[in-house]
């Protein structure tokens, strides 16, 4: 397994990802920077003092200019791509850039997280 991958299967790990998504707010994301051929990360939670923090990575693929997002965990100073058996962690959005709201809502829905906490961002 590549060392840039972090596999999660334990109930606690899955609950931690859901807690991150539940707390993440679109107004805490700066306008997403899209790295061309490399990942750039957004936190969206307004806090990052834990030893392990979750982020959403944004990248434009070099070969076809598709916009890709992925869930990451920062462990010991290194961002590692999350891999979960029953949940999507990476999405190809195609050539059209999604908004931060679309990205966050996609992951909340995919992981079964109530999105009602993000209502304050729909002014």
PDB file of N, CA and C in Angstrom:
ATOM      1  N   UNK A   1       0.850  -1.177   0.000  1.00  0.00           N
ATOM      2  CA  UNK A   1       0.000   0.000   0.000  1.00  0.00           C
ATOM      3  C   UNK A   1       0.894   1.237   0.000  1.00  0.00           C
ATOM      4  N   UNK A   2       0.637   2.205  -0.888  1.00  0.00           N
ATOM      5  CA  UNK A   2       1.441   3.427  -0.885  1.00  0.00           C
ATOM      6  C   UNK A   2       1.309   4.151   0.447  1.00  0.00           C
ATOM      7  N   UNK A   3       2.381   4.801   0.872  1.00  0.00           N
ATOM      8  CA  UNK A   3       2.340   5.450   2.181  1.00  0.00           C
ATOM      9  C   UNK A   3       1.583   6.770   2.171  1.00  0.00           C
ATOM     10  N   UNK A   4       1.048   7.203   1.017  1.00  0.00           N
ATOM     11  CA  UNK A   4       0.230   8.410   1.001  1.00  0.00           C
ATOM     12  C   UNK A   4      -1.254   8.087   1.138  1.00  0.00           C
ATOM     13  N   UNK A   5      -1.573   6.826   1.428  1.00  0.00           N
ATOM     14  CA  UNK A   5      -2.956   6.376   1.593  1.00  0.00           C
ATOM     15  C   UNK A   5      -3.192   6.020   3.054  1.00  0.00           C
ATOM     16  N   UNK A   6      -4.369   6.395   3.559  1.00  0.00           N
ATOM     17  CA  UNK A   6      -4.753   6.088   4.936  1.00  0.00           C
ATOM     18  C   UNK A   6      -6.084   5.355   4.877  1.00  0.00           C
ATOM     19  N   UNK A   7      -6.050   4.055   5.071  1.00  0.00           N
ATOM     20  CA  UNK A   7      -7.269   3.239   5.004  1.00  0.00           C
ATOM     21  C   UNK A   7      -8.025   3.312   6.330  1.00  0.00           C
ATOM     22  N   UNK A   8      -9.330   3.530   6.231  1.00  0.00           N
ATOM     23  CA  UNK A   8     -10.144   3.537   7.443  1.00  0.00           C
ATOM     24  C   UNK A   8     -11.216   2.466   7.331  1.00  0.00           C
ATOM     25  N   UNK A   9     -11.408   1.756   8.423  1.00  0.00           N
ATOM     26  CA  UNK A   9     -12.446   0.728   8.485  1.00  0.00           C
ATOM     27  C   UNK A   9     -13.090   0.694   9.863  1.00  0.00           C
ATOM     28  N   UNK A  10     -12.355   1.158  10.877  1.00  0.00           N
ATOM     29  CA  UNK A  10     -12.885   1.135  12.240  1.00  0.00           C
ATOM     30  C   UNK A  10     -14.033   2.125  12.372  1.00  0.00           C
ATOM     31  N   UNK A  11     -15.003   1.745  13.189  1.00  0.00           N
ATOM     32  CA  UNK A  11     -16.170   2.596  13.416  1.00  0.00           C
ATOM     33  C   UNK A  11     -15.755   3.981  13.917  1.00  0.00           C
ATOM     34  N   UNK A  12     -14.773   4.043  14.813  1.00  0.00           N
ATOM     35  CA  UNK A  12     -14.328   5.332  15.347  1.00  0.00           C
ATOM     36  C   UNK A  12     -13.756   6.221  14.242  1.00  0.00           C
ATOM     37  N   UNK A  13     -12.970   5.650  13.333  1.00  0.00           N
ATOM     38  CA  UNK A  13     -12.399   6.431  12.231  1.00  0.00           C
ATOM     39  C   UNK A  13     -13.493   6.985  11.329  1.00  0.00           C
ATOM     40  N   UNK A  14     -14.480   6.154  11.035  1.00  0.00           N
ATOM     41  CA  UNK A  14     -15.590   6.594  10.191  1.00  0.00           C
ATOM     42  C   UNK A  14     -16.387   7.688  10.893  1.00  0.00           C
ATOM     43  N   UNK A  15     -16.618   7.536  12.196  1.00  0.00           N
ATOM     44  CA  UNK A  15     -17.323   8.567  12.960  1.00  0.00           C
ATOM     45  C   UNK A  15     -16.527   9.871  12.990  1.00  0.00           C
ATOM     46  N   UNK A  16     -15.198   9.785  13.039  1.00  0.00           N
ATOM     47  CA  UNK A  16     -14.361  10.989  13.015  1.00  0.00           C
ATOM     48  C   UNK A  16     -14.510  11.746  11.695  1.00  0.00           C
ATOM     49  N   UNK A  17     -14.559  11.015  10.583  1.00  0.00           N
ATOM     50  CA  UNK A  17     -14.755  11.658   9.279  1.00  0.00           C
ATOM     51  C   UNK A  17     -16.128  12.320   9.237  1.00  0.00           C
ATOM     52  N   UNK A  18     -17.144  11.628   9.730  1.00  0.00           N
ATOM     53  CA  UNK A  18     -18.494  12.199   9.753  1.00  0.00           C
ATOM     54  C   UNK A  18     -18.558  13.434  10.647  1.00  0.00           C
ATOM     55  N   UNK A  19     -17.859  13.408  11.767  1.00  0.00           N
ATOM     56  CA  UNK A  19     -17.828  14.578  12.656  1.00  0.00           C
ATOM     57  C   UNK A  19     -17.180  15.760  11.943  1.00  0.00           C
ATOM     58  N   UNK A  20     -16.104  15.501  11.203  1.00  0.00           N
ATOM     59  CA  UNK A  20     -15.468  16.570  10.417  1.00  0.00           C
ATOM     60  C   UNK A  20     -16.455  17.141   9.409  1.00  0.00           C
ATOM     61  N   UNK A  21     -17.103  16.274   8.639  1.00  0.00           N
ATOM     62  CA  UNK A  21     -18.037  16.744   7.619  1.00  0.00           C
ATOM     63  C   UNK A  21     -19.207  17.492   8.238  1.00  0.00           C
ATOM     64  N   UNK A  22     -19.684  17.030   9.384  1.00  0.00           N
ATOM     65  CA  UNK A  22     -20.786  17.697  10.073  1.00  0.00           C
ATOM     66  C   UNK A  22     -20.378  19.111  10.493  1.00  0.00           C
ATOM     67  N   UNK A  23     -19.139  19.281  10.916  1.00  0.00           N
ATOM     68  CA  UNK A  23     -18.652  20.580  11.396  1.00  0.00           C
ATOM     69  C   UNK A  23     -18.188  21.494  10.273  1.00  0.00           C
ATOM     70  N   UNK A  24     -17.845  20.938   9.130  1.00  0.00           N
ATOM     71  CA  UNK A  24     -17.316  21.738   8.020  1.00  0.00           C
ATOM     72  C   UNK A  24     -18.400  22.664   7.479  1.00  0.00           C
ATOM     73  N   UNK A  25     -18.024  23.887   7.229  1.00  0.00           N
ATOM     74  CA  UNK A  25     -18.930  24.913   6.706  1.00  0.00           C
ATOM     75  C   UNK A  25     -18.308  25.529   5.462  1.00  0.00           C
ATOM     76  N   UNK A  26     -19.132  25.776   4.473  1.00  0.00           N
ATOM     77  CA  UNK A  26     -18.594  26.336   3.234  1.00  0.00           C
ATOM     78  C   UNK A  26     -18.007  27.724   3.435  1.00  0.00           C
ATOM     79  N   UNK A  27     -18.533  28.498   4.399  1.00  0.00           N
ATOM     80  CA  UNK A  27     -17.974  29.837   4.593  1.00  0.00           C
ATOM     81  C   UNK A  27     -16.620  29.808   5.295  1.00  0.00           C
ATOM     82  N   UNK A  28     -16.187  28.640   5.793  1.00  0.00           N
ATOM     83  CA  UNK A  28     -14.846  28.507   6.357  1.00  0.00           C
ATOM     84  C   UNK A  28     -13.817  28.105   5.304  1.00  0.00           C
ATOM     85  N   UNK A  29     -14.281  27.756   4.110  1.00  0.00           N
ATOM     86  CA  UNK A  29     -13.366  27.480   3.003  1.00  0.00           C
ATOM     87  C   UNK A  29     -13.059  28.793   2.309  1.00  0.00           C
ATOM     88  N   UNK A  30     -11.796  29.050   2.058  1.00  0.00           N
ATOM     89  CA  UNK A  30     -11.462  30.151   1.156  1.00  0.00           C
ATOM     90  C   UNK A  30     -11.914  29.689  -0.227  1.00  0.00           C
ATOM     91  N   UNK A  31     -12.049  30.605  -1.182  1.00  0.00           N
ATOM     92  CA  UNK A  31     -12.360  30.107  -2.523  1.00  0.00           C
ATOM     93  C   UNK A  31     -11.340  29.021  -2.867  1.00  0.00           C
ATOM     94  N   UNK A  32     -11.807  27.858  -3.310  1.00  0.00           N
ATOM     95  CA  UNK A  32     -10.864  26.750  -3.460  1.00  0.00           C
ATOM     96  C   UNK A  32      -9.789  27.049  -4.484  1.00  0.00           C
ATOM     97  N   UNK A  33      -8.569  26.791  -4.087  1.00  0.00           N
ATOM     98  CA  UNK A  33      -7.453  26.876  -5.022  1.00  0.00           C
ATOM     99  C   UNK A  33      -7.324  25.496  -5.646  1.00  0.00           C
ATOM    100  N   UNK A  34      -7.230  25.449  -6.928  1.00  0.00           N
ATOM    101  CA  UNK A  34      -7.116  24.176  -7.638  1.00  0.00           C
ATOM    102  C   UNK A  34      -5.681  24.035  -8.112  1.00  0.00           C
ATOM    103  N   UNK A  35      -4.996  23.041  -7.593  1.00  0.00           N
ATOM    104  CA  UNK A  35      -3.622  22.789  -8.010  1.00  0.00           C
ATOM    105  C   UNK A  35      -3.610  22.061  -9.339  1.00  0.00           C
ATOM    106  N   UNK A  36      -2.839  22.561 -10.287  1.00  0.00           N
ATOM    107  CA  UNK A  36      -2.746  21.903 -11.590  1.00  0.00           C
ATOM    108  C   UNK A  36      -1.733  20.768 -11.486  1.00  0.00           C
ATOM    109  N   UNK A  37      -2.244  19.532 -11.427  1.00  0.00           N
ATOM    110  CA  UNK A  37      -1.385  18.359 -11.311  1.00  0.00           C
ATOM    111  C   UNK A  37      -0.895  18.078  -9.905  1.00  0.00           C
ATOM    112  N   UNK A  38      -1.402  18.812  -8.912  1.00  0.00           N
ATOM    113  CA  UNK A  38      -1.019  18.570  -7.514  1.00  0.00           C
ATOM    114  C   UNK A  38      -2.190  18.962  -6.623  1.00  0.00           C
ATOM    115  N   UNK A  39      -2.222  18.377  -5.439  1.00  0.00           N
ATOM    116  CA  UNK A  39      -3.311  18.634  -4.503  1.00  0.00           C
ATOM    117  C   UNK A  39      -3.067  19.922  -3.729  1.00  0.00           C
ATOM    118  N   UNK A  40      -4.122  20.721  -3.580  1.00  0.00           N
ATOM    119  CA  UNK A  40      -4.166  21.844  -2.640  1.00  0.00           C
ATOM    120  C   UNK A  40      -5.327  21.542  -1.702  1.00  0.00           C
ATOM    121  N   UNK A  41      -5.208  21.963  -0.442  1.00  0.00           N
ATOM    122  CA  UNK A  41      -6.139  21.494   0.585  1.00  0.00           C
ATOM    123  C   UNK A  41      -6.940  22.630   1.199  1.00  0.00           C
ATOM    124  N   UNK A  42      -8.214  22.333   1.492  1.00  0.00           N
ATOM    125  CA  UNK A  42      -9.079  23.229   2.237  1.00  0.00           C
ATOM    126  C   UNK A  42      -9.558  22.504   3.480  1.00  0.00           C
ATOM    127  N   UNK A  43      -9.723  23.250   4.562  1.00  0.00           N
ATOM    128  CA  UNK A  43     -10.111  22.615   5.820  1.00  0.00           C
ATOM    129  C   UNK A  43     -11.616  22.706   6.031  1.00  0.00           C
ATOM    130  N   UNK A  44     -12.151  23.933   6.045  1.00  0.00           N
ATOM    131  CA  UNK A  44     -13.584  24.130   6.126  1.00  0.00           C
ATOM    132  C   UNK A  44     -14.206  23.955   7.487  1.00  0.00           C
ATOM    133  N   UNK A  45     -13.395  23.736   8.501  1.00  0.00           N
ATOM    134  CA  UNK A  45     -13.952  23.451   9.816  1.00  0.00           C
ATOM    135  C   UNK A  45     -13.692  24.567  10.817  1.00  0.00           C
ATOM    136  N   UNK A  46     -12.829  25.493  10.505  1.00  0.00           N
ATOM    137  CA  UNK A  46     -12.571  26.602  11.417  1.00  0.00           C
ATOM    138  C   UNK A  46     -11.671  26.253  12.578  1.00  0.00           C
ATOM    139  N   UNK A  47     -11.239  25.010  12.700  1.00  0.00           N
ATOM    140  CA  UNK A  47     -10.309  24.607  13.753  1.00  0.00           C
ATOM    141  C   UNK A  47      -9.367  23.564  13.178  1.00  0.00           C
ATOM    142  N   UNK A  48      -8.177  23.530  13.680  1.00  0.00           N
ATOM    143  CA  UNK A  48      -7.249  22.501  13.203  1.00  0.00           C
ATOM    144  C   UNK A  48      -6.168  22.255  14.244  1.00  0.00           C
ATOM    145  N   UNK A  49      -6.576  22.136  15.490  1.00  0.00           N
ATOM    146  CA  UNK A  49      -5.609  21.951  16.567  1.00  0.00           C
ATOM    147  C   UNK A  49      -5.420  20.488  16.941  1.00  0.00           C
ATOM    148  N   UNK A  50      -6.166  19.595  16.325  1.00  0.00           N
ATOM    149  CA  UNK A  50      -6.045  18.173  16.630  1.00  0.00           C
ATOM    150  C   UNK A  50      -4.753  17.606  16.057  1.00  0.00           C
ATOM    151  N   UNK A  51      -4.363  16.448  16.577  1.00  0.00           N
ATOM    152  CA  UNK A  51      -3.204  15.754  16.003  1.00  0.00           C
ATOM    153  C   UNK A  51      -3.527  15.247  14.604  1.00  0.00           C
ATOM    154  N   UNK A  52      -4.762  14.895  14.370  1.00  0.00           N
ATOM    155  CA  UNK A  52      -5.221  14.447  13.060  1.00  0.00           C
ATOM    156  C   UNK A  52      -6.326  15.386  12.602  1.00  0.00           C
ATOM    157  N   UNK A  53      -6.164  15.968  11.433  1.00  0.00           N
ATOM    158  CA  UNK A  53      -7.198  16.856  10.902  1.00  0.00           C
ATOM    159  C   UNK A  53      -7.582  16.396   9.503  1.00  0.00           C
ATOM    160  N   UNK A  54      -8.813  16.663   9.163  1.00  0.00           N
ATOM    161  CA  UNK A  54      -9.339  16.260   7.864  1.00  0.00           C
ATOM    162  C   UNK A  54      -9.396  17.465   6.944  1.00  0.00           C
ATOM    163  N   UNK A  55      -9.202  17.213   5.670  1.00  0.00           N
ATOM    164  CA  UNK A  55      -9.193  18.260   4.655  1.00  0.00           C
ATOM    165  C   UNK A  55      -9.830  17.710   3.388  1.00  0.00           C
ATOM    166  N   UNK A  56     -10.253  18.630   2.531  1.00  0.00           N
ATOM    167  CA  UNK A  56     -10.677  18.244   1.195  1.00  0.00           C
ATOM    168  C   UNK A  56      -9.607  18.752   0.246  1.00  0.00           C
ATOM    169  N   UNK A  57      -9.104  17.851  -0.580  1.00  0.00           N
ATOM    170  CA  UNK A  57      -8.090  18.213  -1.567  1.00  0.00           C
ATOM    171  C   UNK A  57      -8.749  18.580  -2.886  1.00  0.00           C
ATOM    172  N   UNK A  58      -8.162  19.569  -3.557  1.00  0.00           N
ATOM    173  CA  UNK A  58      -8.651  20.046  -4.848  1.00  0.00           C
ATOM    174  C   UNK A  58      -7.504  19.954  -5.851  1.00  0.00           C
ATOM    175  N   UNK A  59      -7.760  19.355  -7.018  1.00  0.00           N
ATOM    176  CA  UNK A  59      -6.713  19.227  -8.026  1.00  0.00           C
ATOM    177  C   UNK A  59      -7.326  19.246  -9.421  1.00  0.00           C
ATOM    178  N   UNK A  60      -6.605  19.855 -10.359  1.00  0.00           N
ATOM    179  CA  UNK A  60      -6.945  19.754 -11.775  1.00  0.00           C
ATOM    180  C   UNK A  60      -5.953  18.761 -12.372  1.00  0.00           C
ATOM    181  N   UNK A  61      -6.461  17.697 -12.980  1.00  0.00           N
ATOM    182  CA  UNK A  61      -5.575  16.700 -13.582  1.00  0.00           C
ATOM    183  C   UNK A  61      -4.817  17.304 -14.749  1.00  0.00           C
ATOM    184  N   UNK A  62      -3.554  17.004 -14.828  1.00  0.00           N
ATOM    185  CA  UNK A  62      -2.699  17.551 -15.881  1.00  0.00           C
ATOM    186  C   UNK A  62      -3.093  17.076 -17.272  1.00  0.00           C
ATOM    187  N   UNK A  63      -3.515  15.823 -17.386  1.00  0.00           N
ATOM    188  CA  UNK A  63      -3.742  15.253 -18.714  1.00  0.00           C
ATOM    189  C   UNK A  63      -5.065  15.642 -19.362  1.00  0.00           C
ATOM    190  N   UNK A  64      -6.118  15.887 -18.575  1.00  0.00           N
ATOM    191  CA  UNK A  64      -7.418  16.175 -19.187  1.00  0.00           C
ATOM    192  C   UNK A  64      -8.156  17.366 -18.568  1.00  0.00           C
ATOM    193  N   UNK A  65      -7.517  18.092 -17.664  1.00  0.00           N
ATOM    194  CA  UNK A  65      -8.102  19.276 -17.012  1.00  0.00           C
ATOM    195  C   UNK A  65      -9.395  18.979 -16.257  1.00  0.00           C
ATOM    196  N   UNK A  66      -9.576  17.743 -15.805  1.00  0.00           N
ATOM    197  CA  UNK A  66     -10.720  17.415 -14.963  1.00  0.00           C
ATOM    198  C   UNK A  66     -10.461  17.896 -13.542  1.00  0.00           C
ATOM    199  N   UNK A  67     -11.520  18.344 -12.882  1.00  0.00           N
ATOM    200  CA  UNK A  67     -11.453  18.781 -11.491  1.00  0.00           C
ATOM    201  C   UNK A  67     -11.721  17.575 -10.591  1.00  0.00           C
ATOM    202  N   UNK A  68     -10.789  17.294  -9.696  1.00  0.00           N
ATOM    203  CA  UNK A  68     -10.871  16.138  -8.811  1.00  0.00           C
ATOM    204  C   UNK A  68     -10.853  16.637  -7.369  1.00  0.00           C
ATOM    205  N   UNK A  69     -11.701  16.055  -6.528  1.00  0.00           N
ATOM    206  CA  UNK A  69     -11.641  16.333  -5.089  1.00  0.00           C
ATOM    207  C   UNK A  69     -11.453  15.016  -4.358  1.00  0.00           C
ATOM    208  N   UNK A  70     -10.896  15.111  -3.158  1.00  0.00           N
ATOM    209  CA  UNK A  70     -10.642  13.911  -2.374  1.00  0.00           C
ATOM    210  C   UNK A  70     -10.578  14.285  -0.898  1.00  0.00           C
ATOM    211  N   UNK A  71     -11.010  13.384  -0.037  1.00  0.00           N
ATOM    212  CA  UNK A  71     -10.860  13.576   1.403  1.00  0.00           C
ATOM    213  C   UNK A  71      -9.461  13.139   1.815  1.00  0.00           C
ATOM    214  N   UNK A  72      -8.840  13.963   2.660  1.00  0.00           N
ATOM    215  CA  UNK A  72      -7.499  13.676   3.172  1.00  0.00           C
ATOM    216  C   UNK A  72      -7.505  13.766   4.689  1.00  0.00           C
ATOM    217  N   UNK A  73      -6.553  13.107   5.299  1.00  0.00           N
ATOM    218  CA  UNK A  73      -6.288  13.253   6.725  1.00  0.00           C
ATOM    219  C   UNK A  73      -4.836  13.684   6.861  1.00  0.00           C
ATOM    220  N   UNK A  74      -4.612  14.652   7.733  1.00  0.00           N
ATOM    221  CA  UNK A  74      -3.243  15.092   8.004  1.00  0.00           C
ATOM    222  C   UNK A  74      -2.788  14.393   9.277  1.00  0.00           C
ATOM    223  N   UNK A  75      -1.789  13.527   9.131  1.00  0.00           N
ATOM    224  CA  UNK A  75      -1.254  12.739  10.235  1.00  0.00           C
ATOM    225  C   UNK A  75       0.252  12.961  10.281  1.00  0.00           C
ATOM    226  N   UNK A  76       0.742  13.358  11.448  1.00  0.00           N
ATOM    227  CA  UNK A  76       2.176  13.581  11.635  1.00  0.00           C
ATOM    228  C   UNK A  76       2.769  14.477  10.555  1.00  0.00           C
ATOM    229  N   UNK A  77       2.053  15.542  10.209  1.00  0.00           N
ATOM    230  CA  UNK A  77       2.553  16.529   9.260  1.00  0.00           C
ATOM    231  C   UNK A  77       2.432  16.159   7.796  1.00  0.00           C
ATOM    232  N   UNK A  78       1.778  15.044   7.494  1.00  0.00           N
ATOM    233  CA  UNK A  78       1.655  14.601   6.106  1.00  0.00           C
ATOM    234  C   UNK A  78       0.187  14.396   5.751  1.00  0.00           C
ATOM    235  N   UNK A  79      -0.228  14.962   4.616  1.00  0.00           N
ATOM    236  CA  UNK A  79      -1.587  14.726   4.125  1.00  0.00           C
ATOM    237  C   UNK A  79      -1.622  13.380   3.424  1.00  0.00           C
ATOM    238  N   UNK A  80      -2.574  12.547   3.854  1.00  0.00           N
ATOM    239  CA  UNK A  80      -2.721  11.209   3.280  1.00  0.00           C
ATOM    240  C   UNK A  80      -4.145  11.035   2.774  1.00  0.00           C
ATOM    241  N   UNK A  81      -4.278  10.456   1.602  1.00  0.00           N
ATOM    242  CA  UNK A  81      -5.578  10.249   0.971  1.00  0.00           C
ATOM    243  C   UNK A  81      -6.360   9.196   1.755  1.00  0.00           C
ATOM    244  N   UNK A  82      -7.602   9.546   2.126  1.00  0.00           N
ATOM    245  CA  UNK A  82      -8.462   8.586   2.821  1.00  0.00           C
ATOM    246  C   UNK A  82      -9.007   7.556   1.841  1.00  0.00           C
ATOM    247  N   UNK A  83      -9.034   6.327   2.276  1.00  0.00           N
ATOM    248  CA  UNK A  83      -9.661   5.250   1.521  1.00  0.00           C
ATOM    249  C   UNK A  83     -10.587   4.525   2.489  1.00  0.00           C
ATOM    250  N   UNK A  84     -11.859   4.431   2.114  1.00  0.00           N
ATOM    251  CA  UNK A  84     -12.852   3.757   2.953  1.00  0.00           C
ATOM    252  C   UNK A  84     -13.597   2.745   2.092  1.00  0.00           C
ATOM    253  N   UNK A  85     -13.873   1.601   2.662  1.00  0.00           N
ATOM    254  CA  UNK A  85     -14.481   0.504   1.904  1.00  0.00           C
ATOM    255  C   UNK A  85     -15.844   0.868   1.310  1.00  0.00           C
ATOM    256  N   UNK A  86     -16.715   1.467   2.093  1.00  0.00           N
ATOM    257  CA  UNK A  86     -18.091   1.675   1.650  1.00  0.00           C
ATOM    258  C   UNK A  86     -18.458   3.128   1.366  1.00  0.00           C
ATOM    259  N   UNK A  87     -17.493   4.025   1.334  1.00  0.00           N
ATOM    260  CA  UNK A  87     -17.796   5.438   1.117  1.00  0.00           C
ATOM    261  C   UNK A  87     -16.838   6.037   0.096  1.00  0.00           C
ATOM    262  N   UNK A  88     -17.357   6.969  -0.680  1.00  0.00           N
ATOM    263  CA  UNK A  88     -16.553   7.632  -1.702  1.00  0.00           C
ATOM    264  C   UNK A  88     -15.659   8.678  -1.047  1.00  0.00           C
ATOM    265  N   UNK A  89     -14.378   8.660  -1.382  1.00  0.00           N
ATOM    266  CA  UNK A  89     -13.470   9.686  -0.867  1.00  0.00           C
ATOM    267  C   UNK A  89     -12.914  10.552  -1.989  1.00  0.00           C
ATOM    268  N   UNK A  90     -12.999  10.094  -3.232  1.00  0.00           N
ATOM    269  CA  UNK A  90     -12.474  10.854  -4.370  1.00  0.00           C
ATOM    270  C   UNK A  90     -13.547  10.971  -5.440  1.00  0.00           C
ATOM    271  N   UNK A  91     -13.641  12.176  -6.052  1.00  0.00           N
ATOM    272  CA  UNK A  91     -14.659  12.397  -7.086  1.00  0.00           C
ATOM    273  C   UNK A  91     -14.059  13.174  -8.243  1.00  0.00           C
ATOM    274  N   UNK A  92     -14.360  12.717  -9.446  1.00  0.00           N
ATOM    275  CA  UNK A  92     -13.996  13.414 -10.679  1.00  0.00           C
ATOM    276  C   UNK A  92     -15.215  14.228 -11.101  1.00  0.00           C
ATOM    277  N   UNK A  93     -15.076  15.549 -11.083  1.00  0.00           N
ATOM    278  CA  UNK A  93     -16.180  16.449 -11.400  1.00  0.00           C
ATOM    279  C   UNK A  93     -16.222  16.793 -12.890  1.00  0.00           C
ATOM    280  N   UNK A  94     -15.280  16.320 -13.652  1.00  0.00           N
ATOM    281  CA  UNK A  94     -15.224  16.656 -15.070  1.00  0.00           C
ATOM    282  C   UNK A  94     -14.510  17.982 -15.279  1.00  0.00           C
ATOM    283  N   UNK A  95     -14.708  18.562 -16.449  1.00  0.00           N
ATOM    284  CA  UNK A  95     -13.989  19.787 -16.808  1.00  0.00           C
ATOM    285  C   UNK A  95     -14.547  21.030 -16.112  1.00  0.00           C
ATOM    286  N   UNK A  96     -15.809  20.979 -15.692  1.00  0.00           N
ATOM    287  CA  UNK A  96     -16.420  22.149 -15.050  1.00  0.00           C
ATOM    288  C   UNK A  96     -16.117  22.167 -13.555  1.00  0.00           C
ATOM    289  N   UNK A  97     -15.617  23.297 -13.085  1.00  0.00           N
ATOM    290  CA  UNK A  97     -15.226  23.441 -11.674  1.00  0.00           C
ATOM    291  C   UNK A  97     -16.455  23.523 -10.771  1.00  0.00           C
ATOM    292  N   UNK A  98     -16.561  22.642  -9.776  1.00  0.00           N
ATOM    293  CA  UNK A  98     -17.679  22.724  -8.832  1.00  0.00           C
ATOM    294  C   UNK A  98     -17.429  23.828  -7.802  1.00  0.00           C
ATOM    295  N   UNK A  99     -18.490  24.295  -7.191  1.00  0.00           N
ATOM    296  CA  UNK A  99     -18.353  25.285  -6.116  1.00  0.00           C
ATOM    297  C   UNK A  99     -17.991  24.560  -4.822  1.00  0.00           C
ATOM    298  N   UNK A 100     -17.447  25.290  -3.827  1.00  0.00           N
ATOM    299  CA  UNK A 100     -17.173  24.658  -2.533  1.00  0.00           C
ATOM    300  C   UNK A 100     -18.438  24.047  -1.927  1.00  0.00           C
ATOM    301  N   UNK A 101     -19.593  24.709  -2.128  1.00  0.00           N
ATOM    302  CA  UNK A 101     -20.855  24.196  -1.607  1.00  0.00           C
ATOM    303  C   UNK A 101     -21.188  22.838  -2.222  1.00  0.00           C
ATOM    304  N   UNK A 102     -21.029  22.736  -3.547  1.00  0.00           N
ATOM    305  CA  UNK A 102     -21.310  21.462  -4.220  1.00  0.00           C
ATOM    306  C   UNK A 102     -20.410  20.346  -3.694  1.00  0.00           C
ATOM    307  N   UNK A 103     -19.132  20.663  -3.524  1.00  0.00           N
ATOM    308  CA  UNK A 103     -18.173  19.660  -3.061  1.00  0.00           C
ATOM    309  C   UNK A 103     -18.535  19.192  -1.659  1.00  0.00           C
ATOM    310  N   UNK A 104     -18.753  20.143  -0.758  1.00  0.00           N
ATOM    311  CA  UNK A 104     -19.058  19.790   0.625  1.00  0.00           C
ATOM    312  C   UNK A 104     -20.383  19.035   0.723  1.00  0.00           C
ATOM    313  N   UNK A 105     -21.393  19.487  -0.001  1.00  0.00           N
ATOM    314  CA  UNK A 105     -22.685  18.804   0.038  1.00  0.00           C
ATOM    315  C   UNK A 105     -22.575  17.388  -0.536  1.00  0.00           C
ATOM    316  N   UNK A 106     -21.758  17.204  -1.564  1.00  0.00           N
ATOM    317  CA  UNK A 106     -21.553  15.866  -2.118  1.00  0.00           C
ATOM    318  C   UNK A 106     -21.002  14.928  -1.053  1.00  0.00           C
ATOM    319  N   UNK A 107     -19.939  15.362  -0.356  1.00  0.00           N
ATOM    320  CA  UNK A 107     -19.334  14.486   0.650  1.00  0.00           C
ATOM    321  C   UNK A 107     -20.265  14.265   1.836  1.00  0.00           C
ATOM    322  N   UNK A 108     -20.997  15.280   2.253  1.00  0.00           N
ATOM    323  CA  UNK A 108     -21.947  15.093   3.359  1.00  0.00           C
ATOM    324  C   UNK A 108     -23.005  14.056   2.982  1.00  0.00           C
ATOM    325  N   UNK A 109     -23.555  14.179   1.784  1.00  0.00           N
ATOM    326  CA  UNK A 109     -24.575  13.223   1.336  1.00  0.00           C
ATOM    327  C   UNK A 109     -23.977  11.822   1.212  1.00  0.00           C
ATOM    328  N   UNK A 110     -22.816  11.726   0.613  1.00  0.00           N
ATOM    329  CA  UNK A 110     -22.166  10.429   0.385  1.00  0.00           C
ATOM    330  C   UNK A 110     -21.874   9.700   1.696  1.00  0.00           C
ATOM    331  N   UNK A 111     -21.537  10.456   2.747  1.00  0.00           N
ATOM    332  CA  UNK A 111     -21.185   9.861   4.042  1.00  0.00           C
ATOM    333  C   UNK A 111     -22.372   9.831   4.998  1.00  0.00           C
ATOM    334  N   UNK A 112     -23.574  10.241   4.533  1.00  0.00           N
ATOM    335  CA  UNK A 112     -24.768  10.167   5.364  1.00  0.00           C
ATOM    336  C   UNK A 112     -24.786  11.167   6.497  1.00  0.00           C
ATOM    337  N   UNK A 113     -24.234  12.355   6.231  1.00  0.00           N
ATOM    338  CA  UNK A 113     -24.158  13.404   7.251  1.00  0.00           C
ATOM    339  C   UNK A 113     -25.242  14.431   6.981  1.00  0.00           C
ATOM    340  N   UNK A 114     -25.995  14.794   8.013  1.00  0.00           N
ATOM    341  CA  UNK A 114     -27.044  15.807   7.906  1.00  0.00           C
ATOM    342  C   UNK A 114     -26.414  17.130   7.520  1.00  0.00           C
ATOM    343  N   UNK A 115     -26.937  17.751   6.475  1.00  0.00           N
ATOM    344  CA  UNK A 115     -26.375  19.018   6.011  1.00  0.00           C
ATOM    345  C   UNK A 115     -27.062  20.236   6.613  1.00  0.00           C
ATOM    346  N   UNK A 116     -27.962  20.054   7.566  1.00  0.00           N
ATOM    347  CA  UNK A 116     -28.713  21.186   8.120  1.00  0.00           C
ATOM    348  C   UNK A 116     -27.815  22.192   8.819  1.00  0.00           C
ATOM    349  N   UNK A 117     -26.655  21.781   9.276  1.00  0.00           N
ATOM    350  CA  UNK A 117     -25.734  22.698   9.942  1.00  0.00           C
ATOM    351  C   UNK A 117     -25.119  23.711   9.015  1.00  0.00           C
ATOM    352  N   UNK A 118     -25.265  23.531   7.706  1.00  0.00           N
ATOM    353  CA  UNK A 118     -24.679  24.452   6.744  1.00  0.00           C
ATOM    354  C   UNK A 118     -25.706  25.452   6.219  1.00  0.00           C
ATOM    355  N   UNK A 119     -26.899  25.470   6.811  1.00  0.00           N
ATOM    356  CA  UNK A 119     -27.963  26.350   6.349  1.00  0.00           C
ATOM    357  C   UNK A 119     -27.591  27.823   6.432  1.00  0.00           C
ATOM    358  N   UNK A 120     -26.741  28.191   7.393  1.00  0.00           N
ATOM    359  CA  UNK A 120     -26.384  29.596   7.545  1.00  0.00           C
ATOM    360  C   UNK A 120     -25.579  30.104   6.366  1.00  0.00           C
ATOM    361  N   UNK A 121     -25.147  29.258   5.464  1.00  0.00           N
ATOM    362  CA  UNK A 121     -24.348  29.679   4.326  1.00  0.00           C
ATOM    363  C   UNK A 121     -25.194  29.940   3.089  1.00  0.00           C
ATOM    364  N   UNK A 122     -26.507  29.837   3.202  1.00  0.00           N
ATOM    365  CA  UNK A 122     -27.373  29.966   2.032  1.00  0.00           C
ATOM    366  C   UNK A 122     -28.104  31.296   2.026  1.00  0.00           C
ATOM    367  N   UNK A 123     -27.429  32.354   2.406  1.00  0.00           N
ATOM    368  CA  UNK A 123     -28.047  33.687   2.421  1.00  0.00           C
ATOM    369  C   UNK A 123     -28.156  34.254   1.029  1.00  0.00           C
TER     370      UNK A 123
END
